[in-house]
Amino acid sequence: MTDALLRLRFLAAACAAAACLVILLFSPALRAAEEAHAEAETGEHAAEGVDWQSWTAGNELTNTASLQRGAANFTNYCLGCHSLKYLRYERMAKDLAIPESQLAASLMPAGAKATDYMISSFPADDATAWFGKPPPDLSLIARSKGTDHIYRFLKGFIADSTKATGTDNLALEGASMPAVLSDLEGVKKAVFAEGPAGHDGRHVLRFEQVAPGRLTPVQFDGFVRDTTNFLAYAGEPARLQRQSMGIWVVLFLVVFTLLAWMLKREYWKDVH
C-alpha cells in the first residue's frame, strides 16, 4: 500500500511538472491564438465603430529582433525627452545581442559611454516651459501602466485644433506630449458618435487620414509593437534570463523526481 501511494505521488508530481513545462513552452502560441480570436471579433463588430479600447500590444520578450528594433526606435524617437534611468547601454547591448560597434554608432548619443545610464539630455526647465511639466522617466512605465496602455497611447493620437499641441490622445485625454510619431503614422482625425462609451463619452466611428506618413498602417503598427516590447524589457531586464531559466528548472525537477523514485525503489525492494 505504501509503495502504491508513493507511486501515485510520483505520478502526480511528474504530471504537474509536465503541465508547467507545457505552459512555458506553448504560452506564446496560446497568446497568439487569443489575439487572432480578438481580431476576428473586432472585425465582426467593425460596422459598430473602432474598438480602440481592445487594442493589445501582444509583445514577445523572446523576440530578440523585435527588441533590437524597439531599442533603435526608442533611442531615435523617445530618448530625446524620456529617460530610462535604471538601464545602462552596456546591459541593453548584452541582453539584446547588439554589437558594440552598432551600439556606439546608432544607439548612443555623442559623448556617451557604454556604462552610462540611458538618461535624456533634455533640460527639465525647458521641458516644463514647453509642455507644462518634465517628460516622465519610462523605466517602469510598462510595469505601472501595462503594455496595452503604451500601445494604445502611441497609436491613439488624433488631430484636435482645440489643444495647444494640435493633437489629443484617445488613451490619455489632454496629453501634453505632441504626436512625435506623426511623420511615420501621418495625421488622423477621429469621427465620434454620441454614446455612453469611448473617448470623452463618445464612441469612435472611424479614423480619417488628414496627412499621410512615411509608413503604411501595417509598418507603423509593427513600429509601435517593437517599441512597446522594448519598454516591457526595460521595465525588468532580468525577466529574459528568468524565463529561459524557468524551463531548465522544470526539466530538472522532472528528471530529479524520476531519479528519486528509482532510488526509492532500489532502497525498498528488499523490504517489499
Protein backbone atom coordinates (compact mmCIF):
# COMPACT_ATOMS: atom_id res chain seq x y z
CA MET A 1 0.00 0.00 0.00
CA THR A 2 2.83 2.38 0.87
CA ASP A 3 4.60 1.68 -2.41
CA ALA A 4 1.42 2.29 -4.38
CA LEU A 5 0.86 5.58 -2.57
CA LEU A 6 4.38 6.72 -3.34
CA ARG A 7 3.89 5.83 -6.99
CA LEU A 8 0.73 7.91 -7.09
CA ARG A 9 2.57 10.82 -5.54
CA PHE A 10 5.35 10.47 -8.08
CA LEU A 11 2.89 10.42 -10.98
CA ALA A 12 1.13 13.49 -9.59
CA ALA A 13 4.41 15.38 -9.27
CA ALA A 14 5.51 14.35 -12.76
CA CYS A 15 2.17 15.43 -14.25
CA ALA A 16 2.38 18.80 -12.50
CA ALA A 17 5.93 19.37 -13.75
CA ALA A 18 4.96 18.36 -17.28
CA ALA A 19 2.00 20.74 -17.17
CA CYS A 20 4.27 23.61 -16.12
CA LEU A 21 6.65 22.78 -18.95
CA VAL A 22 3.83 22.75 -21.49
CA ILE A 23 2.60 26.13 -20.26
CA LEU A 24 6.09 27.65 -20.52
CA LEU A 25 6.68 26.28 -24.00
CA PHE A 26 3.30 26.92 -25.57
CA SER A 27 2.06 30.10 -23.87
CA PRO A 28 3.26 32.28 -26.81
CA ALA A 29 1.23 30.14 -29.22
CA LEU A 30 -1.83 30.30 -26.99
CA ARG A 31 -1.47 34.08 -26.72
CA ALA A 32 -1.22 34.39 -30.50
CA ALA A 33 -4.39 32.33 -30.88
CA GLU A 34 -6.19 34.55 -28.40
CA GLU A 35 -5.05 37.65 -30.29
CA ALA A 36 -6.28 36.18 -33.58
CA HIS A 37 -9.63 35.46 -31.97
CA ALA A 38 -9.79 39.00 -30.62
CA GLU A 39 -9.00 40.42 -34.06
CA ALA A 40 -11.75 38.29 -35.57
CA GLU A 41 -14.23 39.60 -33.02
CA THR A 42 -13.11 43.15 -33.75
CA GLY A 43 -13.69 42.57 -37.46
CA GLU A 44 -17.21 41.30 -36.79
CA HIS A 45 -18.04 44.50 -34.96
CA ALA A 46 -16.24 46.83 -37.38
CA ALA A 47 -19.55 48.28 -38.51
CA GLU A 48 -20.17 49.48 -34.96
CA GLY A 49 -17.00 51.57 -34.89
CA VAL A 50 -13.35 51.42 -33.87
CA ASP A 51 -12.91 49.40 -30.68
CA TRP A 52 -9.61 51.04 -29.75
CA GLN A 53 -10.06 50.10 -26.07
CA SER A 54 -9.44 46.46 -27.00
CA TRP A 55 -6.17 47.08 -28.86
CA THR A 56 -3.47 44.80 -27.43
CA ALA A 57 0.30 45.03 -27.78
CA GLY A 58 0.95 41.29 -27.99
CA ASN A 59 4.57 41.83 -27.03
CA GLU A 60 7.06 38.93 -27.08
CA LEU A 61 10.13 39.31 -24.90
CA THR A 62 11.64 36.24 -26.55
CA ASN A 63 11.70 38.01 -29.92
CA THR A 64 15.22 39.45 -29.90
CA ALA A 65 14.86 41.05 -33.34
CA SER A 66 11.77 42.94 -32.15
CA LEU A 67 13.61 44.13 -29.03
CA GLN A 68 16.55 45.33 -31.14
CA ARG A 69 14.23 47.30 -33.42
CA GLY A 70 12.42 48.67 -30.37
CA ALA A 71 15.70 49.83 -28.85
CA ALA A 72 16.52 51.71 -32.05
CA ASN A 73 13.03 53.22 -32.11
CA PHE A 74 13.32 54.41 -28.52
CA THR A 75 16.77 55.95 -28.86
CA ASN A 76 15.83 57.73 -32.09
CA TYR A 77 12.36 58.99 -31.17
CA CYS A 78 11.96 58.89 -27.37
CA LEU A 79 15.32 59.28 -25.64
CA GLY A 80 15.49 62.95 -26.57
CA CYS A 81 12.82 63.62 -23.92
CA HIS A 82 12.33 60.43 -21.88
CA SER A 83 14.96 58.61 -19.81
CA LEU A 84 15.42 55.00 -18.75
CA LYS A 85 17.34 55.80 -15.59
CA TYR A 86 17.67 52.19 -14.41
CA LEU A 87 19.09 50.76 -17.63
CA ARG A 88 22.68 51.03 -18.85
CA TYR A 89 23.65 50.95 -22.51
CA GLU A 90 26.02 48.04 -21.99
CA ARG A 91 23.35 45.97 -20.20
CA MET A 92 20.92 46.59 -23.05
CA ALA A 93 23.54 45.63 -25.64
CA LYS A 94 24.41 42.42 -23.79
CA ASP A 95 20.80 41.33 -23.25
CA LEU A 96 19.70 42.12 -26.80
CA ALA A 97 22.84 40.81 -28.57
CA ILE A 98 23.71 44.23 -30.00
CA PRO A 99 27.35 44.51 -31.22
CA GLU A 100 29.44 47.20 -29.55
CA SER A 101 30.12 48.87 -32.88
CA GLN A 102 26.40 49.18 -33.61
CA LEU A 103 25.71 50.37 -30.07
CA ALA A 104 28.22 53.21 -30.36
CA ALA A 105 27.29 54.14 -33.93
CA SER A 106 23.50 54.03 -33.78
CA LEU A 107 22.13 53.84 -30.24
CA MET A 108 24.32 56.05 -28.06
CA PRO A 109 24.42 59.86 -28.20
CA ALA A 110 27.69 61.59 -28.91
CA GLY A 111 29.98 61.61 -25.89
CA ALA A 112 28.12 58.86 -24.02
CA LYS A 113 29.84 55.79 -22.61
CA ALA A 114 28.57 52.24 -22.63
CA THR A 115 28.48 52.25 -18.83
CA ASP A 116 26.17 55.29 -18.73
CA TYR A 117 22.52 55.03 -17.85
CA MET A 118 20.06 55.93 -20.61
CA ILE A 119 19.37 59.48 -19.46
CA SER A 120 17.77 62.15 -21.60
CA SER A 121 19.73 65.34 -22.14
CA PHE A 122 16.56 67.45 -22.39
CA PRO A 123 16.74 70.22 -19.74
CA ALA A 124 13.89 69.93 -17.24
CA ASP A 125 13.32 73.71 -17.21
CA ASP A 126 12.84 73.82 -20.98
CA ALA A 127 10.53 70.81 -20.86
CA THR A 128 8.40 72.48 -18.19
CA ALA A 129 8.23 75.70 -20.19
CA TRP A 130 7.21 73.90 -23.39
CA PHE A 131 4.97 71.10 -22.13
CA GLY A 132 3.93 72.26 -18.67
CA LYS A 133 5.89 69.50 -16.90
CA PRO A 134 9.05 67.44 -17.49
CA PRO A 135 8.58 64.27 -19.56
CA PRO A 136 8.39 61.26 -17.20
CA ASP A 137 11.05 58.60 -16.92
CA LEU A 138 9.84 55.47 -18.72
CA SER A 139 11.86 52.84 -16.89
CA LEU A 140 8.81 51.34 -15.18
CA ILE A 141 6.01 52.56 -17.44
CA ALA A 142 5.28 49.08 -18.79
CA ARG A 143 5.01 47.67 -15.27
CA SER A 144 2.87 50.50 -13.90
CA LYS A 145 0.55 51.11 -16.87
CA GLY A 146 0.83 47.86 -18.81
CA THR A 147 1.98 47.25 -22.37
CA ASP A 148 -1.54 47.56 -23.79
CA HIS A 149 -1.78 51.13 -22.46
CA ILE A 150 1.53 52.05 -24.11
CA TYR A 151 0.40 50.52 -27.38
CA ARG A 152 -2.94 52.36 -27.34
CA PHE A 153 -1.25 55.61 -26.36
CA LEU A 154 1.29 55.53 -29.19
CA LYS A 155 -1.43 54.70 -31.73
CA GLY A 156 -4.10 56.92 -30.17
CA PHE A 157 -3.04 60.39 -31.31
CA ILE A 158 -5.76 62.28 -33.19
CA ALA A 159 -5.92 65.78 -34.63
CA ASP A 160 -7.59 68.32 -32.32
CA SER A 161 -7.28 72.00 -33.08
CA THR A 162 -8.55 72.95 -29.62
CA LYS A 163 -5.42 71.59 -27.95
CA ALA A 164 -2.16 73.50 -27.62
CA THR A 165 -0.24 70.70 -29.33
CA GLY A 166 -2.82 70.40 -32.12
CA THR A 167 -3.48 66.79 -31.10
CA ASP A 168 -5.24 64.80 -28.40
CA ASN A 169 -4.92 61.17 -27.36
CA LEU A 170 -7.59 58.52 -27.02
CA ALA A 171 -5.79 56.64 -24.25
CA LEU A 172 -4.81 59.77 -22.29
CA GLU A 173 -7.06 62.74 -22.85
CA GLY A 174 -5.28 66.08 -22.66
CA ALA A 175 -1.81 64.56 -23.06
CA SER A 176 0.85 67.26 -23.11
CA MET A 177 3.05 65.13 -25.36
CA PRO A 178 2.76 66.07 -29.04
CA ALA A 179 2.36 63.46 -31.77
CA VAL A 180 6.09 62.92 -32.26
CA LEU A 181 5.45 59.89 -34.49
CA SER A 182 3.21 61.78 -36.93
CA ASP A 183 5.93 61.75 -39.58
CA LEU A 184 5.72 57.95 -39.51
CA GLU A 185 1.99 57.41 -38.99
CA GLY A 186 0.68 60.59 -40.55
CA VAL A 187 -2.08 62.69 -39.04
CA LYS A 188 -5.56 61.28 -38.49
CA LYS A 189 -8.77 62.58 -37.00
CA ALA A 190 -11.44 60.60 -35.25
CA VAL A 191 -15.11 60.73 -36.16
CA PHE A 192 -17.16 60.30 -32.99
CA ALA A 193 -20.75 59.29 -32.40
CA GLU A 194 -22.60 60.33 -29.29
CA GLY A 195 -22.85 57.46 -26.83
CA PRO A 196 -22.01 56.22 -23.35
CA ALA A 197 -18.64 54.74 -24.32
CA GLY A 198 -15.48 55.96 -25.97
CA HIS A 199 -13.22 58.97 -25.67
CA ASP A 200 -14.83 61.89 -23.84
CA GLY A 201 -18.13 59.99 -23.59
CA ARG A 202 -18.24 59.36 -27.34
CA HIS A 203 -17.74 56.26 -29.42
CA VAL A 204 -15.17 56.33 -32.26
CA LEU A 205 -16.88 55.52 -35.54
CA ARG A 206 -13.81 55.70 -37.76
CA PHE A 207 -10.50 57.40 -38.40
CA GLU A 208 -9.93 59.73 -41.34
CA GLN A 209 -6.43 60.40 -42.67
CA VAL A 210 -5.57 64.10 -42.74
CA ALA A 211 -1.95 63.78 -43.85
CA PRO A 212 -0.02 60.65 -44.87
CA GLY A 213 3.03 59.33 -43.05
CA ARG A 214 6.18 57.60 -44.22
CA LEU A 215 4.98 54.18 -43.07
CA THR A 216 1.99 52.12 -44.07
CA PRO A 217 -0.51 51.25 -41.29
CA VAL A 218 0.95 47.74 -41.05
CA GLN A 219 4.51 49.07 -40.84
CA PHE A 220 3.57 51.65 -38.21
CA ASP A 221 1.78 49.01 -36.18
CA GLY A 222 4.98 46.94 -36.21
CA PHE A 223 6.97 50.02 -35.16
CA VAL A 224 4.70 50.60 -32.16
CA ARG A 225 4.70 46.93 -31.15
CA ASP A 226 8.51 46.79 -31.25
CA THR A 227 8.79 49.97 -29.18
CA THR A 228 6.28 48.66 -26.64
CA ASN A 229 8.14 45.37 -26.50
CA PHE A 230 11.39 47.18 -25.71
CA LEU A 231 9.75 49.20 -22.92
CA ALA A 232 8.46 45.94 -21.44
CA TYR A 233 12.03 44.65 -21.43
CA ALA A 234 13.40 47.90 -19.94
CA GLY A 235 10.99 47.62 -17.02
CA GLU A 236 12.52 44.30 -15.96
CA PRO A 237 15.65 43.29 -17.90
CA ALA A 238 16.22 40.20 -15.72
CA ARG A 239 12.92 38.76 -16.94
CA LEU A 240 14.63 37.42 -20.07
CA GLN A 241 17.04 35.29 -18.06
CA ARG A 242 14.35 34.26 -15.59
CA GLN A 243 12.04 32.94 -18.29
CA SER A 244 14.76 30.95 -20.05
CA MET A 245 15.98 29.59 -16.71
CA GLY A 246 12.47 28.54 -15.73
CA ILE A 247 12.31 25.92 -18.48
CA TRP A 248 15.54 24.30 -17.28
CA VAL A 249 14.32 24.36 -13.68
CA VAL A 250 11.15 22.48 -14.64
CA LEU A 251 13.17 19.96 -16.63
CA PHE A 252 15.48 19.46 -13.67
CA LEU A 253 12.51 18.85 -11.38
CA VAL A 254 11.12 16.22 -13.77
CA VAL A 255 14.46 14.39 -14.01
CA PHE A 256 15.11 14.68 -10.26
CA THR A 257 11.66 13.29 -9.46
CA LEU A 258 12.30 10.31 -11.74
CA LEU A 259 15.72 9.66 -10.16
CA ALA A 260 14.27 9.97 -6.66
CA TRP A 261 11.56 7.44 -7.49
CA MET A 262 14.10 4.99 -8.95
CA LEU A 263 16.32 5.41 -5.87
CA LYS A 264 13.34 4.77 -3.60
CA ARG A 265 12.53 1.57 -5.45
CA GLU A 266 16.15 0.41 -5.11
CA TYR A 267 16.18 1.00 -1.34
CA TRP A 268 12.76 -0.51 -0.70
CA LYS A 269 12.92 -3.56 -2.95
CA ASP A 270 14.32 -5.75 -0.20
CA VAL A 271 11.70 -4.55 2.28
CA HIS A 272 8.84 -5.50 -0.06
